Amino acid sequence: MLQNSKLKERSFLVYGLGLSGLSVIRFFKKKKFKNFKIWDDKQTNLFKSHRTRNLDLSLNQVDYIVLSPGISTFTNKKLRKYKKKIITDIDLFFLFNNKSKSIVVTGTNGKSTTCKLISHLLKKNKFKFSLGGNIGTPILDIKNSKNNYVIIEASSYQLSHSQFIAPDFAFFLNLTNDHLEWHGSMKNYLNSKLKIFNRQTDKQFAIINKNFKKIFLKKNYLSKLILPDKKEYDKIKYKINNDYLTSNINDENMNFIYSFSKLLKIRQEFFIDAMESFRGLPHRFEIFFKKKGVTFINDSKATSFVATQSALSSLKNIYWILGGLPKKGDKVSLSKYKNNIIKCYLIGKNINFFKKQIKGKLAFSITKNLKNSLIQISKDIKLQKDDKKFVLLSPAAASFDQFINFENRGKEFKRLCKKYARKFI
């Protein structure tokens, strides 16, 4: 691995001035890196003295290209031939980190919740920690002090470009069809995730979903393999007084957290106490409103059908709002869940895709948007005599056809639910 002093002598091109790119520049200035240039496809006056006037020349000349995580080398042919030069802000963190214990979490679903669960567990048990990466604060902007833990949410975009990542604790939660347009294939997507294990030593831990055990062993990674055991967690699950965490939707996350707590030698009663005070993240199976036996749940973060399955399996008497921009290769398989669903309400600009998936399997209405869905649900719900009913936004699709992002979609759903709540009485 490069020594810090040697690294400062190398030349860099910071490609992309998003949050991570700007944090890299701040890091370079703080560490007194002298030889770096910047490039962004959009014209900008930021750091004008460092801006390259000849991108092709800079790509050829520099030692390393620090690439923004949103840029794909699969779709960007110009960058593809420089793949060996490309690194990320996470690489810079690992190259310079000699103080803290690192925890890297990746997977298709549940990364943010798992990172928040880890941070909550550490906080409640008096561990020092920082949290960053894909979850919000760029990793180079966090406070990194001696003897603390650094929790990093790592997307496949970031990992795809990384070369020097070596976590003390590497979490690989799950993998389903997603981001294939960006990666080009499922194989590339999987390989990006597996990078968290490439440089681990025999003193570090790999905490993985048991479905990837064969792949892990075949690769001959050096790290200590930990396979979270659902049976172990199930023994204590009933002791945790937290409806959010003890629903089926969080079983996978909790299996990992419980295994991690044992590695840190946190006593079981302290683990349970910490989990009871945890509150879930917005837009992830967020139970935000109840009215006359009707519970409203915002699961807007569920942007694929796999992400929606947990919500459908956790509830009965569901009025399900579905639709948006479907993920490539995604399919809606309802055989296990259709008895839990009273009716489905189709929204977005891809109605026909979802209609074909559910026709003949579920009762449905084409409502086109959230407002119309809630108005129709209020009429339908009065016809049912069940004591408990659930209005669930778990769209199994991206939001970009009607909203800026999934957060915007979730916020609008919450606003409309409260506005039209009187119609449900």
Protein backbone atom coordinates (compact mmCIF):
# COMPACT_ATOMS: atom_id res chain seq x y z
CA MET A 1 0.00 0.00 0.00
CA LEU A 2 1.15 3.54 -0.72
CA GLN A 3 2.68 5.49 2.13
CA ASN A 4 1.01 8.83 2.89
CA SER A 5 4.14 10.80 2.06
CA LYS A 6 4.48 9.05 -1.30
CA LEU A 7 0.80 9.60 -2.07
CA LYS A 8 1.17 13.34 -1.68
CA GLU A 9 3.81 13.29 -4.40
CA ARG A 10 1.41 11.75 -6.93
CA SER A 11 -0.81 13.69 -9.33
CA PHE A 12 -4.62 13.57 -9.26
CA LEU A 13 -7.63 14.53 -11.31
CA VAL A 14 -10.82 15.05 -9.30
CA TYR A 15 -13.52 14.09 -11.82
CA GLY A 16 -16.96 15.40 -10.82
CA LEU A 17 -17.78 18.18 -8.36
CA GLY A 18 -20.65 16.66 -6.45
CA LEU A 19 -20.63 16.26 -2.66
CA SER A 20 -17.84 13.70 -2.67
CA GLY A 21 -15.73 15.57 -5.24
CA LEU A 22 -15.87 18.79 -3.24
CA SER A 23 -14.95 16.89 -0.08
CA VAL A 24 -11.91 15.42 -1.88
CA ILE A 25 -10.72 18.93 -2.77
CA ARG A 26 -11.15 20.07 0.84
CA PHE A 27 -9.19 17.00 1.93
CA PHE A 28 -6.37 17.71 -0.54
CA LYS A 29 -6.09 21.29 0.64
CA LYS A 30 -6.11 20.24 4.30
CA LYS A 31 -3.41 17.61 3.68
CA LYS A 32 -1.43 20.05 1.49
CA PHE A 33 -1.63 18.05 -1.72
CA LYS A 34 -0.14 20.27 -4.41
CA ASN A 35 -0.56 18.40 -7.68
CA PHE A 36 -4.24 18.02 -8.43
CA LYS A 37 -6.62 19.22 -11.13
CA ILE A 38 -10.41 19.19 -11.32
CA TRP A 39 -12.98 18.47 -14.01
CA ASP A 40 -16.76 18.63 -14.12
CA ASP A 41 -18.94 18.24 -17.19
CA LYS A 42 -20.79 21.39 -16.16
CA GLN A 43 -19.04 24.73 -16.43
CA THR A 44 -18.14 26.11 -13.01
CA ASN A 45 -15.91 28.79 -11.51
CA LEU A 46 -15.21 26.71 -8.39
CA PHE A 47 -11.47 26.22 -7.74
CA LYS A 48 -10.76 27.85 -11.08
CA SER A 49 -6.98 27.74 -10.63
CA HIS A 50 -7.09 23.93 -10.50
CA ARG A 51 -9.48 23.39 -13.38
CA THR A 52 -7.97 21.48 -16.30
CA ARG A 53 -8.37 22.96 -19.77
CA ASN A 54 -7.55 19.70 -21.52
CA LEU A 55 -9.40 16.70 -20.10
CA ASP A 56 -7.83 14.11 -22.42
CA LEU A 57 -4.32 15.29 -21.58
CA SER A 58 -5.02 15.27 -17.83
CA LEU A 59 -6.53 11.78 -17.97
CA ASN A 60 -3.33 10.56 -19.63
CA GLN A 61 -0.89 12.37 -17.38
CA VAL A 62 -2.22 12.01 -13.84
CA ASP A 63 -1.40 9.07 -11.58
CA TYR A 64 -4.92 8.80 -10.13
CA ILE A 65 -8.44 9.83 -11.11
CA VAL A 66 -10.71 10.39 -8.10
CA LEU A 67 -14.07 9.67 -9.67
CA SER A 68 -17.49 10.82 -8.53
CA PRO A 69 -19.56 7.73 -7.56
CA GLY A 70 -22.39 8.59 -9.93
CA ILE A 71 -20.23 8.20 -13.04
CA SER A 72 -20.17 4.74 -14.63
CA THR A 73 -17.15 3.44 -16.54
CA PHE A 74 -19.52 1.03 -18.26
CA THR A 75 -21.39 3.86 -19.99
CA ASN A 76 -18.48 6.34 -20.19
CA LYS A 77 -16.15 4.87 -22.83
CA LYS A 78 -13.54 7.60 -22.39
CA LEU A 79 -12.98 6.68 -18.74
CA ARG A 80 -13.07 2.93 -19.28
CA LYS A 81 -9.49 2.72 -20.58
CA TYR A 82 -8.24 4.52 -17.44
CA LYS A 83 -9.90 2.10 -15.04
CA LYS A 84 -6.64 1.14 -13.31
CA LYS A 85 -6.08 4.79 -12.35
CA ILE A 86 -9.53 5.33 -10.85
CA ILE A 87 -9.98 5.56 -7.08
CA THR A 88 -12.62 7.07 -4.75
CA ASP A 89 -12.93 9.24 -1.69
CA ILE A 90 -13.32 6.02 0.34
CA ASP A 91 -9.91 4.87 -0.94
CA LEU A 92 -8.35 8.12 0.27
CA PHE A 93 -9.94 7.57 3.67
CA PHE A 94 -8.41 4.09 3.97
CA LEU A 95 -5.02 5.19 2.68
CA PHE A 96 -4.82 7.85 5.40
CA ASN A 97 -6.73 6.19 8.24
CA ASN A 98 -4.46 4.75 10.94
CA LYS A 99 -6.56 5.70 13.93
CA SER A 100 -10.06 4.23 13.88
CA LYS A 101 -11.83 0.92 13.39
CA SER A 102 -13.79 0.90 10.14
CA ILE A 103 -17.22 -0.62 9.53
CA VAL A 104 -18.36 -0.77 5.89
CA VAL A 105 -21.94 -1.75 5.04
CA THR A 106 -23.13 -2.66 1.56
CA GLY A 107 -25.99 -4.57 -0.08
CA THR A 108 -28.93 -3.81 -2.35
CA ASN A 109 -31.42 -3.15 0.45
CA GLY A 110 -31.19 -2.13 4.09
CA LYS A 111 -27.82 -0.34 4.05
CA SER A 112 -29.00 2.92 5.61
CA THR A 113 -31.11 1.25 8.29
CA THR A 114 -28.25 -1.10 9.20
CA CYS A 115 -25.80 1.82 9.46
CA LYS A 116 -28.23 3.70 11.70
CA LEU A 117 -28.76 0.58 13.83
CA ILE A 118 -24.99 0.19 14.25
CA SER A 119 -24.59 3.86 15.20
CA HIS A 120 -27.47 3.60 17.68
CA LEU A 121 -26.01 0.44 19.22
CA LEU A 122 -22.59 2.08 19.60
CA LYS A 123 -24.05 5.29 21.01
CA LYS A 124 -26.14 3.51 23.63
CA ASN A 125 -23.14 1.44 24.71
CA LYS A 126 -20.77 4.42 25.04
CA PHE A 127 -18.58 3.74 21.99
CA LYS A 128 -17.17 6.70 20.08
CA PHE A 129 -18.13 6.70 16.41
CA SER A 130 -18.67 8.68 13.22
CA LEU A 131 -21.07 7.95 10.36
CA GLY A 132 -20.66 8.83 6.69
CA GLY A 133 -20.41 7.74 3.08
CA ASN A 134 -23.47 7.14 0.93
CA ILE A 135 -25.77 7.83 3.90
CA GLY A 136 -25.08 11.56 3.93
CA THR A 137 -21.81 13.15 5.05
CA PRO A 138 -18.94 12.48 2.62
CA ILE A 139 -16.46 10.16 4.30
CA LEU A 140 -13.58 12.64 4.07
CA ASP A 141 -15.64 15.27 5.93
CA ILE A 142 -16.29 13.22 9.06
CA LYS A 143 -14.35 13.63 12.29
CA ASN A 144 -11.89 10.77 12.59
CA SER A 145 -10.37 10.52 16.06
CA LYS A 146 -8.27 7.90 17.79
CA ASN A 147 -9.96 4.74 19.14
CA ASN A 148 -13.34 5.43 17.55
CA TYR A 149 -15.39 3.53 14.99
CA VAL A 150 -16.15 4.90 11.54
CA ILE A 151 -19.35 3.56 9.95
CA ILE A 152 -19.42 3.84 6.15
CA GLU A 153 -22.42 3.13 3.95
CA ALA A 154 -20.94 2.08 0.62
CA SER A 155 -22.96 1.95 -2.58
CA SER A 156 -22.06 -0.34 -5.47
CA TYR A 157 -21.18 2.80 -7.43
CA GLN A 158 -18.50 3.73 -4.91
CA LEU A 159 -17.20 0.19 -4.52
CA SER A 160 -17.01 -0.37 -8.26
CA HIS A 161 -14.23 2.24 -8.48
CA SER A 162 -12.49 1.47 -5.17
CA GLN A 163 -9.04 -0.13 -4.92
CA PHE A 164 -7.79 0.34 -1.36
CA ILE A 165 -10.80 -0.33 0.85
CA ALA A 166 -10.02 -2.69 3.77
CA PRO A 167 -12.67 -2.58 6.54
CA ASP A 168 -12.19 -4.01 10.01
CA PHE A 169 -15.82 -5.10 9.78
CA ALA A 170 -17.32 -5.64 6.30
CA PHE A 171 -21.10 -6.17 6.07
CA PHE A 172 -22.60 -7.67 2.88
CA LEU A 173 -26.36 -7.75 3.49
CA ASN A 174 -27.99 -8.99 0.28
CA LEU A 175 -28.01 -8.72 -3.51
CA THR A 176 -30.91 -8.40 -5.95
CA ASN A 177 -31.34 -7.08 -9.49
CA ASP A 178 -30.66 -3.35 -9.32
CA HIS A 179 -28.49 -0.71 -11.00
CA LEU A 180 -27.83 -3.03 -13.94
CA GLU A 181 -27.94 -0.11 -16.39
CA TRP A 182 -25.00 1.39 -14.48
CA HIS A 183 -22.95 -1.80 -13.98
CA GLY A 184 -23.78 -3.49 -17.25
CA SER A 185 -24.38 -6.95 -15.78
CA MET A 186 -25.27 -8.79 -12.59
CA LYS A 187 -21.72 -10.17 -12.48
CA ASN A 188 -20.24 -6.66 -12.44
CA TYR A 189 -22.73 -5.61 -9.77
CA LEU A 190 -21.78 -8.55 -7.53
CA ASN A 191 -18.06 -8.00 -8.06
CA SER A 192 -18.39 -4.38 -6.98
CA LYS A 193 -19.90 -5.50 -3.68
CA LEU A 194 -17.23 -8.17 -3.12
CA LYS A 195 -14.48 -5.53 -3.22
CA ILE A 196 -15.02 -4.87 0.49
CA PHE A 197 -13.29 -8.21 1.20
CA ASN A 198 -10.40 -8.05 -1.30
CA ARG A 199 -7.84 -6.37 0.97
CA GLN A 200 -9.02 -7.58 4.37
CA THR A 201 -6.52 -9.36 6.64
CA ASP A 202 -7.02 -12.36 8.91
CA LYS A 203 -7.57 -9.96 11.81
CA GLN A 204 -10.63 -8.41 10.17
CA PHE A 205 -14.23 -9.66 9.89
CA ALA A 206 -16.56 -10.38 6.99
CA ILE A 207 -20.20 -10.47 8.11
CA ILE A 208 -22.20 -11.83 5.20
CA ASN A 209 -25.53 -13.22 4.16
CA LYS A 210 -25.28 -17.04 4.17
CA ASN A 211 -26.33 -17.07 0.49
CA PHE A 212 -22.85 -15.80 -0.41
CA LYS A 213 -20.87 -18.30 1.67
CA LYS A 214 -19.81 -20.43 -1.34
CA ILE A 215 -18.69 -17.38 -3.30
CA PHE A 216 -16.76 -16.07 -0.31
CA LEU A 217 -14.96 -19.36 0.31
CA LYS A 218 -14.19 -19.83 -3.38
CA LYS A 219 -12.46 -16.43 -3.48
CA ASN A 220 -10.13 -17.43 -0.60
CA TYR A 221 -10.53 -14.17 1.27
CA LEU A 222 -8.39 -13.85 4.40
CA SER A 223 -10.92 -12.31 6.77
CA LYS A 224 -12.80 -14.14 9.49
CA LEU A 225 -16.19 -15.22 8.16
CA ILE A 226 -19.27 -14.50 10.27
CA LEU A 227 -22.66 -15.85 9.12
CA PRO A 228 -25.53 -14.22 11.05
CA ASP A 229 -27.82 -16.97 12.36
CA LYS A 230 -31.53 -16.15 12.28
CA LYS A 231 -32.23 -18.87 14.84
CA GLU A 232 -29.94 -17.12 17.33
CA TYR A 233 -31.69 -13.79 16.85
CA ASP A 234 -35.14 -15.40 17.01
CA LYS A 235 -34.34 -16.58 20.54
CA ILE A 236 -34.26 -13.00 21.79
CA LYS A 237 -36.49 -11.24 19.26
CA TYR A 238 -39.57 -11.54 21.46
CA LYS A 239 -37.75 -9.70 24.25
CA ILE A 240 -37.39 -6.50 22.16
CA ASN A 241 -40.31 -4.13 22.67
CA ASN A 242 -40.14 -2.29 19.35
CA ASP A 243 -42.81 -2.93 16.70
CA TYR A 244 -40.64 -1.48 13.96
CA LEU A 245 -37.66 -3.77 14.54
CA THR A 246 -39.59 -6.94 15.32
CA SER A 247 -41.62 -6.84 12.10
CA ASN A 248 -40.43 -9.25 9.39
CA ILE A 249 -39.12 -6.34 7.38
CA ASN A 250 -36.13 -5.87 9.68
CA ASP A 251 -35.22 -9.47 10.51
CA GLU A 252 -32.26 -9.51 8.12
CA ASN A 253 -30.86 -6.22 9.44
CA MET A 254 -31.29 -7.37 13.03
CA ASN A 255 -29.53 -10.70 12.40
CA PHE A 256 -26.46 -8.74 11.32
CA ILE A 257 -26.63 -6.26 14.19
CA TYR A 258 -26.97 -9.00 16.80
CA SER A 259 -23.95 -10.87 15.37
CA PHE A 260 -21.97 -7.62 15.37
CA SER A 261 -22.92 -6.88 19.00
CA LYS A 262 -21.45 -10.23 20.03
CA LEU A 263 -18.18 -9.43 18.24
CA LEU A 264 -17.98 -6.25 20.32
CA LYS A 265 -18.84 -8.28 23.45
CA ILE A 266 -21.93 -6.19 24.16
CA ARG A 267 -24.05 -7.99 26.72
CA GLN A 268 -27.41 -9.28 25.51
CA GLU A 269 -29.44 -7.12 27.88
CA PHE A 270 -27.58 -4.01 26.68
CA PHE A 271 -28.24 -4.99 23.06
CA ILE A 272 -31.96 -5.36 23.79
CA ASP A 273 -32.09 -2.06 25.66
CA ALA A 274 -30.45 -0.23 22.76
CA MET A 275 -32.77 -1.74 20.16
CA GLU A 276 -35.90 -0.82 22.09
CA SER A 277 -35.09 2.88 21.80
CA PHE A 278 -34.31 2.81 18.07
CA ARG A 279 -36.59 4.74 15.73
CA GLY A 280 -36.63 3.85 12.05
CA LEU A 281 -35.52 6.04 9.17
CA PRO A 282 -38.04 8.07 7.16
CA HIS A 283 -39.52 6.39 4.05
CA ARG A 284 -38.47 2.89 5.15
CA PHE A 285 -41.57 1.09 6.45
CA GLU A 286 -42.32 4.30 8.35
CA ILE A 287 -45.48 3.97 10.43
CA PHE A 288 -46.32 7.66 10.68
CA PHE A 289 -50.09 7.94 11.21
CA LYS A 290 -53.03 5.98 12.63
CA LYS A 291 -56.70 6.83 12.37
CA LYS A 292 -59.72 4.75 13.44
CA GLY A 293 -58.11 1.36 12.90
CA VAL A 294 -56.27 2.46 9.75
CA THR A 295 -52.46 2.50 9.86
CA PHE A 296 -50.58 4.52 7.22
CA ILE A 297 -47.11 3.30 6.22
CA ASN A 298 -44.60 5.17 4.08
CA ASP A 299 -42.23 2.71 2.40
CA SER A 300 -41.26 5.00 -0.48
CA LYS A 301 -37.62 3.81 -0.35
CA ALA A 302 -38.81 0.44 -1.76
CA THR A 303 -37.79 1.10 -5.36
CA SER A 304 -37.82 -2.55 -6.50
CA PHE A 305 -40.19 -5.42 -5.90
CA VAL A 306 -37.66 -7.26 -3.73
CA ALA A 307 -37.58 -4.20 -1.47
CA THR A 308 -41.39 -4.28 -1.28
CA GLN A 309 -41.68 -7.97 -0.40
CA SER A 310 -40.81 -7.50 3.26
CA ALA A 311 -43.63 -5.00 3.78
CA LEU A 312 -46.15 -7.24 1.99
CA SER A 313 -45.12 -10.22 4.11
CA SER A 314 -45.37 -8.28 7.39
CA LEU A 315 -48.99 -7.10 7.11
CA LYS A 316 -52.57 -8.22 6.47
CA ASN A 317 -55.47 -6.25 4.96
CA ILE A 318 -53.23 -4.08 2.81
CA TYR A 319 -54.37 -1.29 0.50
CA TRP A 320 -51.23 -1.18 -1.62
CA ILE A 321 -50.08 1.80 -3.71
CA LEU A 322 -47.79 0.53 -6.48
CA GLY A 323 -46.03 2.09 -9.44
CA GLY A 324 -43.46 4.48 -10.80
CA LEU A 325 -40.38 3.88 -12.92
CA PRO A 326 -39.69 0.09 -12.90
CA LYS A 327 -36.16 -1.22 -12.49
CA LYS A 328 -34.60 -3.12 -15.39
CA GLY A 329 -35.49 -6.82 -15.22
CA ASP A 330 -37.76 -6.39 -12.20
CA LYS A 331 -40.83 -8.62 -11.82
CA VAL A 332 -43.75 -8.53 -9.39
CA SER A 333 -44.25 -12.01 -7.94
CA LEU A 334 -47.33 -12.16 -5.73
CA SER A 335 -47.91 -15.86 -4.98
CA LYS A 336 -46.73 -15.56 -1.38
CA TYR A 337 -48.39 -12.23 -0.61
CA LYS A 338 -51.63 -11.87 -2.56
CA ASN A 339 -53.75 -13.06 0.39
CA ASN A 340 -52.36 -10.17 2.44
CA ILE A 341 -53.52 -7.57 -0.10
CA ILE A 342 -57.12 -6.37 -0.34
CA LYS A 343 -56.57 -4.11 -3.34
CA CYS A 344 -53.84 -2.44 -5.35
CA TYR A 345 -53.75 1.16 -6.66
CA LEU A 346 -51.56 1.86 -9.69
CA ILE A 347 -49.73 5.18 -10.02
CA GLY A 348 -47.11 6.71 -12.30
CA LYS A 349 -46.42 6.81 -16.01
CA ASN A 350 -45.76 3.09 -16.43
CA ILE A 351 -49.23 1.79 -15.57
CA ASN A 352 -49.24 -0.91 -18.26
CA PHE A 353 -46.07 -2.54 -16.93
CA PHE A 354 -47.54 -3.00 -13.46
CA LYS A 355 -51.02 -3.82 -14.76
CA LYS A 356 -49.58 -6.79 -16.68
CA GLN A 357 -47.80 -7.98 -13.54
CA ILE A 358 -50.88 -8.04 -11.29
CA LYS A 359 -53.83 -8.55 -13.65
CA GLY A 360 -55.82 -11.64 -12.69
CA LYS A 361 -54.01 -11.86 -9.35
CA LEU A 362 -55.25 -8.80 -7.48
CA ALA A 363 -58.16 -6.40 -7.47
CA PHE A 364 -56.84 -3.04 -8.63
CA SER A 365 -57.73 0.49 -9.63
CA ILE A 366 -55.77 2.75 -11.99
CA THR A 367 -55.45 5.93 -9.94
CA LYS A 368 -52.40 7.51 -11.67
CA ASN A 369 -51.27 9.56 -8.66
CA LEU A 370 -51.12 9.56 -4.86
CA LYS A 371 -54.03 11.93 -4.35
CA ASN A 372 -56.43 9.86 -6.46
CA SER A 373 -55.20 6.70 -4.74
CA LEU A 374 -56.05 7.98 -1.29
CA ILE A 375 -59.47 9.23 -2.37
CA GLN A 376 -60.26 5.82 -3.87
CA ILE A 377 -58.86 3.94 -0.87
CA SER A 378 -61.04 5.99 1.48
CA LYS A 379 -64.09 4.78 -0.43
CA ASP A 380 -62.96 1.16 -0.59
CA ILE A 381 -61.85 0.94 3.00
CA LYS A 382 -65.30 1.71 4.37
CA LEU A 383 -66.60 -1.46 2.72
CA GLN A 384 -64.32 -3.70 4.78
CA LYS A 385 -65.16 -4.83 8.30
CA ASP A 386 -61.65 -5.80 9.39
CA ASP A 387 -60.50 -4.14 12.59
CA LYS A 388 -56.99 -3.37 11.36
CA LYS A 389 -56.30 -2.03 7.90
CA PHE A 390 -53.06 -0.78 6.37
CA VAL A 391 -52.58 1.86 3.69
CA LEU A 392 -49.16 1.09 2.28
CA LEU A 393 -47.06 3.12 -0.14
CA SER A 394 -44.42 0.59 -1.19
CA PRO A 395 -44.16 1.37 -4.90
CA ALA A 396 -41.60 -1.24 -6.05
CA ALA A 397 -40.30 1.37 -8.49
CA ALA A 398 -38.14 4.46 -8.75
CA SER A 399 -39.84 7.83 -8.33
CA PHE A 400 -38.39 9.88 -11.17
CA ASP A 401 -41.42 9.69 -13.44
CA GLN A 402 -43.45 11.88 -11.04
CA PHE A 403 -41.11 13.03 -8.25
CA ILE A 404 -37.62 14.38 -7.70
CA ASN A 405 -36.64 11.37 -5.58
CA PHE A 406 -38.11 8.79 -3.21
CA GLU A 407 -37.92 11.24 -0.29
CA ASN A 408 -40.08 13.74 -2.16
CA ARG A 409 -42.57 10.98 -2.97
CA GLY A 410 -42.71 9.86 0.66
CA LYS A 411 -43.18 13.37 2.00
CA GLU A 412 -46.04 14.03 -0.42
CA PHE A 413 -47.69 10.76 0.59
CA LYS A 414 -47.50 11.69 4.27
CA ARG A 415 -48.91 15.15 3.61
CA LEU A 416 -51.84 13.80 1.59
CA CYS A 417 -52.63 11.05 4.10
CA LYS A 418 -53.08 13.56 6.87
CA LYS A 419 -55.01 15.90 4.61
CA TYR A 420 -57.52 13.24 3.55
CA ALA A 421 -57.61 11.31 6.84
CA ARG A 422 -61.17 12.48 7.58
CA LYS A 423 -62.36 10.57 4.52
CA PHE A 424 -61.28 7.30 6.13
CA ILE A 425 -63.56 7.63 9.15
